[in-house]
N, C-alpha and C. Protein backbone atom coordinates (compact mmCIF):
# COMPACT_ATOMS: atom_id res chain seq x y z
N MET A 1 208.06 32.63 116.36
CA MET A 1 209.30 32.53 115.81
C MET A 1 209.98 33.72 115.26
N ASN A 2 209.28 34.65 114.55
CA ASN A 2 209.76 35.81 114.32
C ASN A 2 210.28 36.91 115.47
N TRP A 3 209.52 36.68 116.43
CA TRP A 3 209.88 37.51 117.66
C TRP A 3 211.22 37.03 118.13
N LEU A 4 211.38 35.74 118.14
CA LEU A 4 212.36 35.21 118.78
C LEU A 4 213.95 35.54 117.76
N ILE A 5 213.95 35.63 116.35
CA ILE A 5 214.72 36.00 115.65
C ILE A 5 215.04 37.22 115.70
N THR A 6 214.04 38.15 116.05
CA THR A 6 214.10 39.63 116.11
C THR A 6 214.84 39.83 117.43
N LEU A 7 214.47 39.10 118.57
CA LEU A 7 215.11 39.52 119.71
C LEU A 7 216.60 39.01 119.67
N VAL A 8 216.77 38.05 119.10
CA VAL A 8 218.45 37.42 118.99
C VAL A 8 219.26 38.55 118.29
N SER A 9 218.40 38.94 117.04
CA SER A 9 219.10 40.01 116.32
C SER A 9 219.42 41.13 116.89
N VAL A 10 218.42 41.78 117.71
CA VAL A 10 218.49 42.88 118.44
C VAL A 10 219.77 42.81 119.53
N ALA A 11 219.89 41.71 120.21
CA ALA A 11 220.82 41.41 121.26
C ALA A 11 222.09 41.28 120.69
N LEU A 12 222.37 40.72 119.37
CA LEU A 12 223.63 40.46 118.82
C LEU A 12 224.17 41.86 118.47
N VAL A 13 223.39 42.71 117.84
CA VAL A 13 223.64 44.20 117.41
C VAL A 13 224.25 45.03 118.64
N LEU A 14 223.12 44.76 119.88
CA LEU A 14 223.62 45.50 121.17
C LEU A 14 224.91 45.14 121.51
N GLN A 15 225.44 43.70 121.35
CA GLN A 15 226.71 43.19 121.85
C GLN A 15 227.71 43.58 121.02
N ILE A 16 227.55 43.73 119.90
CA ILE A 16 228.66 44.45 118.95
C ILE A 16 228.72 45.94 119.13
N VAL A 17 227.55 46.54 119.48
CA VAL A 17 227.93 48.18 119.71
C VAL A 17 228.71 48.23 121.19
N LEU A 18 228.28 47.30 121.92
CA LEU A 18 229.05 47.56 123.25
C LEU A 18 230.43 47.17 123.27
N PHE A 19 230.70 46.29 122.44
CA PHE A 19 232.07 45.79 122.18
C PHE A 19 232.99 46.71 121.65
N ILE A 20 232.51 47.47 120.38
CA ILE A 20 233.06 48.53 119.80
C ILE A 20 233.11 49.83 120.58
N MET A 21 232.41 50.24 121.37
CA MET A 21 232.43 51.40 122.33
C MET A 21 233.34 51.07 123.42
N GLY A 22 233.56 49.68 123.98
CA GLY A 22 234.45 49.67 125.11
C GLY A 22 235.74 49.64 124.70
N ARG A 23 236.10 49.17 123.39
CA ARG A 23 237.33 49.24 122.67
C ARG A 23 237.89 50.59 122.74
N ARG A 24 237.03 51.71 121.98
CA ARG A 24 237.25 52.99 122.10
C ARG A 24 237.50 53.47 123.13
N ILE A 25 236.64 53.33 124.33
CA ILE A 25 237.05 53.79 125.75
C ILE A 25 238.34 53.46 126.27
N ARG A 26 238.53 52.23 126.16
CA ARG A 26 239.97 51.61 126.77
C ARG A 26 241.12 52.16 125.79
N LYS A 27 241.09 52.35 124.45
CA LYS A 27 241.81 53.20 123.73
C LYS A 27 242.20 54.49 124.13
N ARG A 28 241.22 55.26 124.44
CA ARG A 28 241.36 56.58 124.76
C ARG A 28 241.82 56.70 126.16
N GLU A 29 241.45 55.98 127.31
CA GLU A 29 242.42 55.81 128.55
C GLU A 29 243.64 55.38 128.54
N LYS A 30 244.03 54.42 127.48
CA LYS A 30 245.34 54.14 127.34
C LYS A 30 246.06 55.26 126.85
N GLU A 31 245.65 56.13 125.99
CA GLU A 31 246.27 57.07 125.35
C GLU A 31 246.75 58.33 126.37
N ASN A 32 245.75 58.42 127.43
CA ASN A 32 245.91 59.43 128.51
C ASN A 32 246.70 59.00 129.54
N SER A 33 246.93 57.60 129.80
CA SER A 33 247.63 56.84 130.93
C SER A 33 249.07 57.33 130.99
N ILE A 34 249.74 57.64 131.95
CA ILE A 34 251.03 58.14 132.04
C ILE A 34 251.95 56.72 132.10
N ILE A 35 251.22 55.57 132.95
CA ILE A 35 251.83 54.31 133.01
C ILE A 35 251.94 53.77 131.63
N GLU A 36 250.87 53.86 130.82
CA GLU A 36 251.33 53.00 129.42
C GLU A 36 251.94 53.78 128.58
N LYS A 37 251.72 55.32 128.63
CA LYS A 37 252.47 56.24 127.50
C LYS A 37 253.97 55.86 127.90
N TYR A 38 254.42 55.82 129.03
CA TYR A 38 255.82 55.78 129.19
C TYR A 38 256.44 54.09 129.67
N LYS A 39 255.37 53.40 129.48
CA LYS A 39 255.76 52.01 130.03
C LYS A 39 256.40 51.83 131.33
N ILE A 40 255.71 52.55 132.35
CA ILE A 40 256.42 52.40 133.64
C ILE A 40 255.81 51.13 134.45
N ASP A 41 256.85 50.22 134.75
CA ASP A 41 256.42 49.16 135.32
C ASP A 41 257.26 48.86 136.75
N SER A 42 257.97 49.89 136.90
CA SER A 42 258.69 49.58 138.30
C SER A 42 259.06 51.07 138.95
N ARG A 43 259.36 51.28 140.10
CA ARG A 43 259.62 52.46 140.70
C ARG A 43 261.15 53.03 140.05
N GLN A 44 261.89 52.14 139.69
CA GLN A 44 263.27 52.27 138.84
C GLN A 44 262.88 53.17 137.62
N LYS A 45 262.21 52.62 137.03
CA LYS A 45 261.80 53.34 135.60
C LYS A 45 261.02 54.68 135.71
N ALA A 46 260.35 54.68 136.83
CA ALA A 46 259.74 56.11 137.37
C ALA A 46 260.87 57.18 137.24
N TRP A 47 261.82 56.58 138.47
CA TRP A 47 262.74 57.44 138.81
C TRP A 47 263.66 57.87 137.54
N GLN A 48 264.05 56.87 136.62
CA GLN A 48 264.58 57.32 135.37
C GLN A 48 264.04 58.50 134.58
N LEU A 49 262.67 58.29 134.56
CA LEU A 49 261.73 59.15 133.69
C LEU A 49 261.71 60.61 134.57
N LEU A 50 261.81 60.50 135.89
CA LEU A 50 261.76 61.86 136.56
C LEU A 50 262.95 62.75 136.28
N GLY A 51 264.04 61.89 135.85
CA GLY A 51 265.31 62.70 135.71
C GLY A 51 265.55 63.19 134.01
N ASP A 52 264.78 62.49 133.11
CA ASP A 52 264.75 62.83 131.97
C ASP A 52 264.09 64.15 131.65
N THR A 53 264.92 64.99 130.95
CA THR A 53 264.47 66.49 130.69
C THR A 53 263.76 66.60 129.39
N SER A 54 263.51 65.32 128.63
CA SER A 54 262.85 65.45 127.23
C SER A 54 261.46 65.10 127.73
N ILE A 55 260.83 64.79 128.68
CA ILE A 55 259.72 64.55 129.04
C ILE A 55 258.90 65.99 129.49
N PRO A 56 257.89 66.19 129.19
CA PRO A 56 257.16 67.59 129.64
C PRO A 56 257.15 67.64 130.96
N GLU A 57 257.13 68.70 131.56
CA GLU A 57 257.02 69.07 132.99
C GLU A 57 255.59 68.48 133.48
N GLU A 58 254.58 68.54 132.93
CA GLU A 58 253.39 68.18 133.28
C GLU A 58 253.34 66.67 133.46
N ASP A 59 253.87 65.90 132.43
CA ASP A 59 253.96 64.32 132.71
C ASP A 59 254.84 64.05 133.88
N ARG A 60 256.04 64.78 134.00
CA ARG A 60 256.97 64.44 134.98
C ARG A 60 256.23 64.74 136.59
N GLU A 61 255.58 65.65 136.44
CA GLU A 61 254.62 65.82 137.82
C GLU A 61 253.57 64.81 137.96
N LYS A 62 253.07 64.08 137.11
CA LYS A 62 252.15 63.03 137.16
C LYS A 62 253.02 61.91 137.68
N ILE A 63 254.15 61.69 137.17
CA ILE A 63 255.17 60.47 137.23
C ILE A 63 255.80 60.69 138.76
N ARG A 64 255.93 61.90 139.22
CA ARG A 64 256.19 61.93 140.55
C ARG A 64 255.34 61.52 141.60
N VAL A 65 253.95 62.18 141.24
CA VAL A 65 253.18 61.66 142.05
C VAL A 65 252.85 60.17 142.13
N LEU A 66 252.99 59.52 141.12
CA LEU A 66 252.96 57.96 141.14
C LEU A 66 254.06 57.55 141.84
N TYR A 67 255.10 57.89 141.63
CA TYR A 67 256.64 57.40 142.42
C TYR A 67 256.36 57.53 143.79
N ASP A 68 255.95 58.73 144.17
CA ASP A 68 255.86 59.00 145.56
C ASP A 68 254.74 58.12 146.25
N GLY A 69 253.78 57.69 145.51
CA GLY A 69 252.66 56.81 145.98
C GLY A 69 251.38 57.72 146.49
N GLU A 70 251.55 58.91 146.14
CA GLU A 70 250.42 59.89 146.65
C GLU A 70 249.07 59.79 145.77
N GLU A 71 248.12 60.29 146.58
CA GLU A 71 246.80 60.00 145.84
C GLU A 71 246.67 61.20 144.96
N GLU A 72 246.06 61.29 143.64
CA GLU A 72 245.86 62.37 142.82
C GLU A 72 244.45 62.99 143.17
N GLU A 73 244.27 64.30 143.19
CA GLU A 73 242.95 64.90 143.51
C GLU A 73 242.38 65.36 142.38
N SER A 74 241.33 64.96 141.96
CA SER A 74 240.76 65.12 140.46
C SER A 74 239.65 65.98 140.78
C-alpha cells in the first residue's frame, strides 16, 4: 500500500511540475510572438501596423513577412 501512495504522490508532483513549466513556456512564447504582441487578427490590422512609424523596424519586418505570407528562415 505504501508503494501505491508513493507512486501516486510522485505522479501528482510530476504533473504539477509539468503544468508550471508548460505555463512558463507558453508565457515566454506569447511575449516573443508578433501576433500576440500587436493583437494581429487580420491582414488589415497587419497593413495598418506596417504604416505605423512608432513600431520598431525589426517588428515591422516580421509583420511584413507575416502579411506577405512568406516563410521565415530560422
